[in-house]
Amino acid sequence: IFVVPSVALLKQTAEEFRTSLKNLDGTAIQVGELGGGACNIVPYGVNVATYHTLLTAFDKKYSDKQKKIVTNESL
């Protein structure tokens, strides 16, 4: 999994991986995206995700006010 801070970087990174990374047989590596409304996980390949999406999966959130990761209930 490759973690990025924004949806824009998610899209850019996923596209770069699709065009640059190849399997040993020369075929393109599968690239999944998690974030920006997408939840396309590939079991074999690379998955690019925003950290906000990953935190949400565990019912967590980053609090700018507290400068730390918190549960959604503690906001």
PDB file of N, CA and C in Angstrom:
ATOM      1  N   ILE A   1       0.857  -1.167   0.000  1.00  0.00           N
ATOM      2  CA  ILE A   1       0.000   0.000   0.000  1.00  0.00           C
ATOM      3  C   ILE A   1       0.905   1.232   0.000  1.00  0.00           C
ATOM      4  N   PHE A   2       0.531   2.204  -0.792  1.00  0.00           N
ATOM      5  CA  PHE A   2       1.274   3.450  -0.907  1.00  0.00           C
ATOM      6  C   PHE A   2       0.331   4.551  -0.437  1.00  0.00           C
ATOM      7  N   VAL A   3       0.703   5.265   0.608  1.00  0.00           N
ATOM      8  CA  VAL A   3      -0.184   6.247   1.236  1.00  0.00           C
ATOM      9  C   VAL A   3       0.198   7.657   0.791  1.00  0.00           C
ATOM     10  N   VAL A   4      -0.822   8.432   0.409  1.00  0.00           N
ATOM     11  CA  VAL A   4      -0.629   9.812  -0.037  1.00  0.00           C
ATOM     12  C   VAL A   4      -1.557  10.735   0.762  1.00  0.00           C
ATOM     13  N   PRO A   5      -1.234  12.035   0.813  1.00  0.00           N
ATOM     14  CA  PRO A   5      -2.030  12.945   1.643  1.00  0.00           C
ATOM     15  C   PRO A   5      -3.261  13.556   0.970  1.00  0.00           C
ATOM     16  N   SER A   6      -3.428  13.392  -0.352  1.00  0.00           N
ATOM     17  CA  SER A   6      -4.559  14.050  -1.008  1.00  0.00           C
ATOM     18  C   SER A   6      -5.073  13.222  -2.179  1.00  0.00           C
ATOM     19  N   VAL A   7      -6.301  13.528  -2.596  1.00  0.00           N
ATOM     20  CA  VAL A   7      -6.910  12.825  -3.724  1.00  0.00           C
ATOM     21  C   VAL A   7      -6.157  13.148  -5.013  1.00  0.00           C
ATOM     22  N   ALA A   8      -5.703  14.375  -5.166  1.00  0.00           N
ATOM     23  CA  ALA A   8      -4.947  14.741  -6.368  1.00  0.00           C
ATOM     24  C   ALA A   8      -3.685  13.885  -6.493  1.00  0.00           C
ATOM     25  N   LEU A   9      -2.976  13.713  -5.385  1.00  0.00           N
ATOM     26  CA  LEU A   9      -1.777  12.865  -5.419  1.00  0.00           C
ATOM     27  C   LEU A   9      -2.131  11.395  -5.588  1.00  0.00           C
ATOM     28  N   LEU A  10      -3.278  10.982  -5.085  1.00  0.00           N
ATOM     29  CA  LEU A  10      -3.757   9.619  -5.296  1.00  0.00           C
ATOM     30  C   LEU A  10      -3.876   9.340  -6.788  1.00  0.00           C
ATOM     31  N   LYS A  11      -4.556  10.216  -7.506  1.00  0.00           N
ATOM     32  CA  LYS A  11      -4.757  10.045  -8.945  1.00  0.00           C
ATOM     33  C   LYS A  11      -3.431  10.086  -9.704  1.00  0.00           C
ATOM     34  N   GLN A  12      -2.579  11.056  -9.377  1.00  0.00           N
ATOM     35  CA  GLN A  12      -1.294  11.193 -10.063  1.00  0.00           C
ATOM     36  C   GLN A  12      -0.411   9.979  -9.819  1.00  0.00           C
ATOM     37  N   THR A  13      -0.344   9.523  -8.580  1.00  0.00           N
ATOM     38  CA  THR A  13       0.516   8.397  -8.220  1.00  0.00           C
ATOM     39  C   THR A  13       0.015   7.115  -8.872  1.00  0.00           C
ATOM     40  N   ALA A  14      -1.287   6.877  -8.818  1.00  0.00           N
ATOM     41  CA  ALA A  14      -1.858   5.673  -9.423  1.00  0.00           C
ATOM     42  C   ALA A  14      -1.568   5.643 -10.920  1.00  0.00           C
ATOM     43  N   GLU A  15      -1.731   6.758 -11.590  1.00  0.00           N
ATOM     44  CA  GLU A  15      -1.463   6.812 -13.031  1.00  0.00           C
ATOM     45  C   GLU A  15       0.020   6.582 -13.329  1.00  0.00           C
ATOM     46  N   GLU A  16       0.885   7.166 -12.528  1.00  0.00           N
ATOM     47  CA  GLU A  16       2.326   6.965 -12.713  1.00  0.00           C
ATOM     48  C   GLU A  16       2.710   5.500 -12.507  1.00  0.00           C
ATOM     49  N   PHE A  17       2.143   4.869 -11.486  1.00  0.00           N
ATOM     50  CA  PHE A  17       2.402   3.445 -11.260  1.00  0.00           C
ATOM     51  C   PHE A  17       1.910   2.608 -12.444  1.00  0.00           C
ATOM     52  N   ARG A  18       0.717   2.940 -12.967  1.00  0.00           N
ATOM     53  CA  ARG A  18       0.176   2.177 -14.099  1.00  0.00           C
ATOM     54  C   ARG A  18       1.079   2.254 -15.324  1.00  0.00           C
ATOM     55  N   THR A  19       1.663   3.404 -15.567  1.00  0.00           N
ATOM     56  CA  THR A  19       2.492   3.563 -16.766  1.00  0.00           C
ATOM     57  C   THR A  19       3.936   3.128 -16.554  1.00  0.00           C
ATOM     58  N   SER A  20       4.408   3.124 -15.319  1.00  0.00           N
ATOM     59  CA  SER A  20       5.829   2.863 -15.062  1.00  0.00           C
ATOM     60  C   SER A  20       6.149   1.461 -14.558  1.00  0.00           C
ATOM     61  N   LEU A  21       5.284   0.881 -13.740  1.00  0.00           N
ATOM     62  CA  LEU A  21       5.595  -0.400 -13.122  1.00  0.00           C
ATOM     63  C   LEU A  21       5.137  -1.565 -13.994  1.00  0.00           C
ATOM     64  N   LYS A  22       6.013  -2.539 -14.155  1.00  0.00           N
ATOM     65  CA  LYS A  22       5.698  -3.722 -14.965  1.00  0.00           C
ATOM     66  C   LYS A  22       6.015  -4.987 -14.173  1.00  0.00           C
ATOM     67  N   ASN A  23       5.259  -6.040 -14.439  1.00  0.00           N
ATOM     68  CA  ASN A  23       5.549  -7.360 -13.898  1.00  0.00           C
ATOM     69  C   ASN A  23       6.766  -7.924 -14.630  1.00  0.00           C
ATOM     70  N   LEU A  24       7.309  -9.017 -14.149  1.00  0.00           N
ATOM     71  CA  LEU A  24       8.472  -9.631 -14.787  1.00  0.00           C
ATOM     72  C   LEU A  24       8.193 -10.043 -16.226  1.00  0.00           C
ATOM     73  N   ASP A  25       6.940 -10.345 -16.552  1.00  0.00           N
ATOM     74  CA  ASP A  25       6.603 -10.738 -17.921  1.00  0.00           C
ATOM     75  C   ASP A  25       6.301  -9.544 -18.819  1.00  0.00           C
ATOM     76  N   GLY A  26       6.450  -8.315 -18.290  1.00  0.00           N
ATOM     77  CA  GLY A  26       6.253  -7.102 -19.082  1.00  0.00           C
ATOM     78  C   GLY A  26       4.856  -6.525 -19.040  1.00  0.00           C
ATOM     79  N   THR A  27       3.921  -7.223 -18.416  1.00  0.00           N
ATOM     80  CA  THR A  27       2.564  -6.692 -18.305  1.00  0.00           C
ATOM     81  C   THR A  27       2.509  -5.624 -17.211  1.00  0.00           C
ATOM     82  N   ALA A  28       1.527  -4.761 -17.329  1.00  0.00           N
ATOM     83  CA  ALA A  28       1.376  -3.673 -16.356  1.00  0.00           C
ATOM     84  C   ALA A  28       0.963  -4.222 -14.996  1.00  0.00           C
ATOM     85  N   ILE A  29       1.477  -3.606 -13.949  1.00  0.00           N
ATOM     86  CA  ILE A  29       1.085  -3.944 -12.572  1.00  0.00           C
ATOM     87  C   ILE A  29      -0.328  -3.419 -12.343  1.00  0.00           C
ATOM     88  N   GLN A  30      -1.145  -4.179 -11.635  1.00  0.00           N
ATOM     89  CA  GLN A  30      -2.473  -3.703 -11.267  1.00  0.00           C
ATOM     90  C   GLN A  30      -2.334  -2.657 -10.171  1.00  0.00           C
ATOM     91  N   VAL A  31      -3.118  -1.591 -10.278  1.00  0.00           N
ATOM     92  CA  VAL A  31      -3.067  -0.512  -9.290  1.00  0.00           C
ATOM     93  C   VAL A  31      -4.480  -0.238  -8.791  1.00  0.00           C
ATOM     94  N   GLY A  32      -4.653  -0.354  -7.470  1.00  0.00           N
ATOM     95  CA  GLY A  32      -5.938  -0.051  -6.856  1.00  0.00           C
ATOM     96  C   GLY A  32      -5.923   1.351  -6.260  1.00  0.00           C
ATOM     97  N   GLU A  33      -7.105   1.914  -6.085  1.00  0.00           N
ATOM     98  CA  GLU A  33      -7.239   3.259  -5.508  1.00  0.00           C
ATOM     99  C   GLU A  33      -8.244   3.233  -4.365  1.00  0.00           C
ATOM    100  N   LEU A  34      -7.857   3.857  -3.250  1.00  0.00           N
ATOM    101  CA  LEU A  34      -8.733   3.981  -2.090  1.00  0.00           C
ATOM    102  C   LEU A  34      -8.734   5.438  -1.649  1.00  0.00           C
ATOM    103  N   GLY A  35      -9.793   6.134  -1.981  1.00  0.00           N
ATOM    104  CA  GLY A  35      -9.905   7.539  -1.625  1.00  0.00           C
ATOM    105  C   GLY A  35     -10.616   8.308  -2.711  1.00  0.00           C
ATOM    106  N   GLY A  36     -11.120   9.466  -2.378  1.00  0.00           N
ATOM    107  CA  GLY A  36     -11.820  10.281  -3.359  1.00  0.00           C
ATOM    108  C   GLY A  36     -13.067   9.610  -3.898  1.00  0.00           C
ATOM    109  N   GLY A  37     -13.715   8.795  -3.083  1.00  0.00           N
ATOM    110  CA  GLY A  37     -14.915   8.086  -3.497  1.00  0.00           C
ATOM    111  C   GLY A  37     -14.648   6.725  -4.114  1.00  0.00           C
ATOM    112  N   ALA A  38     -13.395   6.396  -4.339  1.00  0.00           N
ATOM    113  CA  ALA A  38     -13.038   5.104  -4.936  1.00  0.00           C
ATOM    114  C   ALA A  38     -12.623   4.114  -3.853  1.00  0.00           C
ATOM    115  N   CYS A  39     -13.016   2.873  -4.030  1.00  0.00           N
ATOM    116  CA  CYS A  39     -12.567   1.800  -3.153  1.00  0.00           C
ATOM    117  C   CYS A  39     -12.335   0.573  -4.026  1.00  0.00           C
ATOM    118  N   ASN A  40     -11.258   0.644  -4.806  1.00  0.00           N
ATOM    119  CA  ASN A  40     -10.910  -0.403  -5.748  1.00  0.00           C
ATOM    120  C   ASN A  40      -9.613  -1.053  -5.284  1.00  0.00           C
ATOM    121  N   ILE A  41      -9.729  -2.105  -4.473  1.00  0.00           N
ATOM    122  CA  ILE A  41      -8.565  -2.778  -3.903  1.00  0.00           C
ATOM    123  C   ILE A  41      -8.156  -3.922  -4.828  1.00  0.00           C
ATOM    124  N   VAL A  42      -6.874  -3.989  -5.164  1.00  0.00           N
ATOM    125  CA  VAL A  42      -6.371  -5.111  -5.960  1.00  0.00           C
ATOM    126  C   VAL A  42      -5.539  -6.008  -5.041  1.00  0.00           C
ATOM    127  N   PRO A  43      -5.788  -7.323  -5.074  1.00  0.00           N
ATOM    128  CA  PRO A  43      -5.060  -8.225  -4.179  1.00  0.00           C
ATOM    129  C   PRO A  43      -3.603  -8.439  -4.577  1.00  0.00           C
ATOM    130  N   TYR A  44      -3.306  -8.312  -5.868  1.00  0.00           N
ATOM    131  CA  TYR A  44      -1.927  -8.502  -6.348  1.00  0.00           C
ATOM    132  C   TYR A  44      -1.534  -7.261  -7.128  1.00  0.00           C
ATOM    133  N   GLY A  45      -0.656  -6.489  -6.581  1.00  0.00           N
ATOM    134  CA  GLY A  45      -0.244  -5.246  -7.214  1.00  0.00           C
ATOM    135  C   GLY A  45       0.000  -4.195  -6.152  1.00  0.00           C
ATOM    136  N   VAL A  46      -0.295  -2.963  -6.511  1.00  0.00           N
ATOM    137  CA  VAL A  46      -0.084  -1.830  -5.617  1.00  0.00           C
ATOM    138  C   VAL A  46      -1.419  -1.153  -5.367  1.00  0.00           C
ATOM    139  N   ASN A  47      -1.667  -0.793  -4.124  1.00  0.00           N
ATOM    140  CA  ASN A  47      -2.854  -0.018  -3.778  1.00  0.00           C
ATOM    141  C   ASN A  47      -2.404   1.340  -3.269  1.00  0.00           C
ATOM    142  N   VAL A  48      -2.984   2.391  -3.844  1.00  0.00           N
ATOM    143  CA  VAL A  48      -2.670   3.759  -3.437  1.00  0.00           C
ATOM    144  C   VAL A  48      -3.873   4.277  -2.655  1.00  0.00           C
ATOM    145  N   ALA A  49      -3.614   4.825  -1.470  1.00  0.00           N
ATOM    146  CA  ALA A  49      -4.706   5.271  -0.603  1.00  0.00           C
ATOM    147  C   ALA A  49      -4.366   6.604   0.054  1.00  0.00           C
ATOM    148  N   THR A  50      -5.408   7.388   0.314  1.00  0.00           N
ATOM    149  CA  THR A  50      -5.206   8.596   1.112  1.00  0.00           C
ATOM    150  C   THR A  50      -5.232   8.184   2.578  1.00  0.00           C
ATOM    151  N   TYR A  51      -4.463   8.876   3.378  1.00  0.00           N
ATOM    152  CA  TYR A  51      -4.444   8.515   4.796  1.00  0.00           C
ATOM    153  C   TYR A  51      -5.791   8.807   5.449  1.00  0.00           C
ATOM    154  N   HIS A  52      -6.546   9.776   4.923  1.00  0.00           N
ATOM    155  CA  HIS A  52      -7.884  10.054   5.470  1.00  0.00           C
ATOM    156  C   HIS A  52      -8.797   8.844   5.297  1.00  0.00           C
ATOM    157  N   THR A  53      -8.722   8.203   4.139  1.00  0.00           N
ATOM    158  CA  THR A  53      -9.546   7.025   3.871  1.00  0.00           C
ATOM    159  C   THR A  53      -9.149   5.877   4.779  1.00  0.00           C
ATOM    160  N   LEU A  54      -7.856   5.678   4.961  1.00  0.00           N
ATOM    161  CA  LEU A  54      -7.400   4.598   5.839  1.00  0.00           C
ATOM    162  C   LEU A  54      -7.824   4.838   7.280  1.00  0.00           C
ATOM    163  N   LEU A  55      -7.725   6.068   7.753  1.00  0.00           N
ATOM    164  CA  LEU A  55      -8.163   6.367   9.112  1.00  0.00           C
ATOM    165  C   LEU A  55      -9.660   6.125   9.278  1.00  0.00           C
ATOM    166  N   THR A  56     -10.440   6.522   8.288  1.00  0.00           N
ATOM    167  CA  THR A  56     -11.886   6.344   8.345  1.00  0.00           C
ATOM    168  C   THR A  56     -12.252   4.865   8.447  1.00  0.00           C
ATOM    169  N   ALA A  57     -11.496   4.007   7.797  1.00  0.00           N
ATOM    170  CA  ALA A  57     -11.757   2.565   7.847  1.00  0.00           C
ATOM    171  C   ALA A  57     -11.651   2.023   9.271  1.00  0.00           C
ATOM    172  N   PHE A  58     -10.899   2.704  10.115  1.00  0.00           N
ATOM    173  CA  PHE A  58     -10.725   2.285  11.509  1.00  0.00           C
ATOM    174  C   PHE A  58     -11.448   3.222  12.476  1.00  0.00           C
ATOM    175  N   ASP A  59     -12.433   3.974  11.947  1.00  0.00           N
ATOM    176  CA  ASP A  59     -13.231   4.908  12.739  1.00  0.00           C
ATOM    177  C   ASP A  59     -12.348   5.925  13.464  1.00  0.00           C
ATOM    178  N   LYS A  60     -11.335   6.400  12.764  1.00  0.00           N
ATOM    179  CA  LYS A  60     -10.409   7.397  13.302  1.00  0.00           C
ATOM    180  C   LYS A  60     -10.390   8.621  12.390  1.00  0.00           C
ATOM    181  N   LYS A  61      -9.793   9.684  12.892  1.00  0.00           N
ATOM    182  CA  LYS A  61      -9.695  10.920  12.143  1.00  0.00           C
ATOM    183  C   LYS A  61      -8.507  11.709  12.679  1.00  0.00           C
ATOM    184  N   TYR A  62      -7.887  12.522  11.824  1.00  0.00           N
ATOM    185  CA  TYR A  62      -6.817  13.380  12.307  1.00  0.00           C
ATOM    186  C   TYR A  62      -7.435  14.702  12.747  1.00  0.00           C
ATOM    187  N   SER A  63      -7.161  15.100  13.969  1.00  0.00           N
ATOM    188  CA  SER A  63      -7.672  16.357  14.505  1.00  0.00           C
ATOM    189  C   SER A  63      -6.589  17.427  14.389  1.00  0.00           C
ATOM    190  N   ASP A  64      -6.832  18.418  13.531  1.00  0.00           N
ATOM    191  CA  ASP A  64      -5.885  19.531  13.415  1.00  0.00           C
ATOM    192  C   ASP A  64      -5.780  20.293  14.737  1.00  0.00           C
ATOM    193  N   LYS A  65      -6.911  20.421  15.411  1.00  0.00           N
ATOM    194  CA  LYS A  65      -6.944  21.145  16.678  1.00  0.00           C
ATOM    195  C   LYS A  65      -6.079  20.456  17.741  1.00  0.00           C
ATOM    196  N   GLN A  66      -6.208  19.114  17.831  1.00  0.00           N
ATOM    197  CA  GLN A  66      -5.465  18.369  18.843  1.00  0.00           C
ATOM    198  C   GLN A  66      -4.100  17.899  18.345  1.00  0.00           C
ATOM    199  N   LYS A  67      -3.867  18.015  17.029  1.00  0.00           N
ATOM    200  CA  LYS A  67      -2.600  17.588  16.415  1.00  0.00           C
ATOM    201  C   LYS A  67      -2.308  16.112  16.640  1.00  0.00           C
ATOM    202  N   LYS A  68      -3.372  15.288  16.527  1.00  0.00           N
ATOM    203  CA  LYS A  68      -3.174  13.851  16.687  1.00  0.00           C
ATOM    204  C   LYS A  68      -4.353  13.094  16.081  1.00  0.00           C
ATOM    205  N   ILE A  69      -4.191  11.786  15.951  1.00  0.00           N
ATOM    206  CA  ILE A  69      -5.251  10.922  15.480  1.00  0.00           C
ATOM    207  C   ILE A  69      -6.186  10.617  16.648  1.00  0.00           C
ATOM    208  N   VAL A  70      -7.483  10.761  16.409  1.00  0.00           N
ATOM    209  CA  VAL A  70      -8.481  10.548  17.455  1.00  0.00           C
ATOM    210  C   VAL A  70      -9.610   9.679  16.901  1.00  0.00           C
ATOM    211  N   THR A  71     -10.404   9.106  17.786  1.00  0.00           N
ATOM    212  CA  THR A  71     -11.602   8.398  17.332  1.00  0.00           C
ATOM    213  C   THR A  71     -12.646   9.432  16.983  1.00  0.00           C
ATOM    214  N   ASN A  72     -13.577   9.060  16.116  1.00  0.00           N
ATOM    215  CA  ASN A  72     -14.612  10.005  15.700  1.00  0.00           C
ATOM    216  C   ASN A  72     -15.466  10.465  16.878  1.00  0.00           C
ATOM    217  N   GLU A  73     -15.605   9.643  17.916  1.00  0.00           N
ATOM    218  CA  GLU A  73     -16.405  10.011  19.078  1.00  0.00           C
ATOM    219  C   GLU A  73     -15.753  11.117  19.918  1.00  0.00           C
ATOM    220  N   SER A  74     -14.415  11.213  19.873  1.00  0.00           N
ATOM    221  CA  SER A  74     -13.723  12.165  20.743  1.00  0.00           C
ATOM    222  C   SER A  74     -13.574  13.550  20.125  1.00  0.00           C
ATOM    223  N   LEU A  75     -14.222  13.784  18.996  1.00  0.00           N
ATOM    224  CA  LEU A  75     -14.117  15.110  18.370  1.00  0.00           C
ATOM    225  C   LEU A  75     -15.082  16.089  18.956  1.00  0.00           C
TER     226      LEU A  75
END
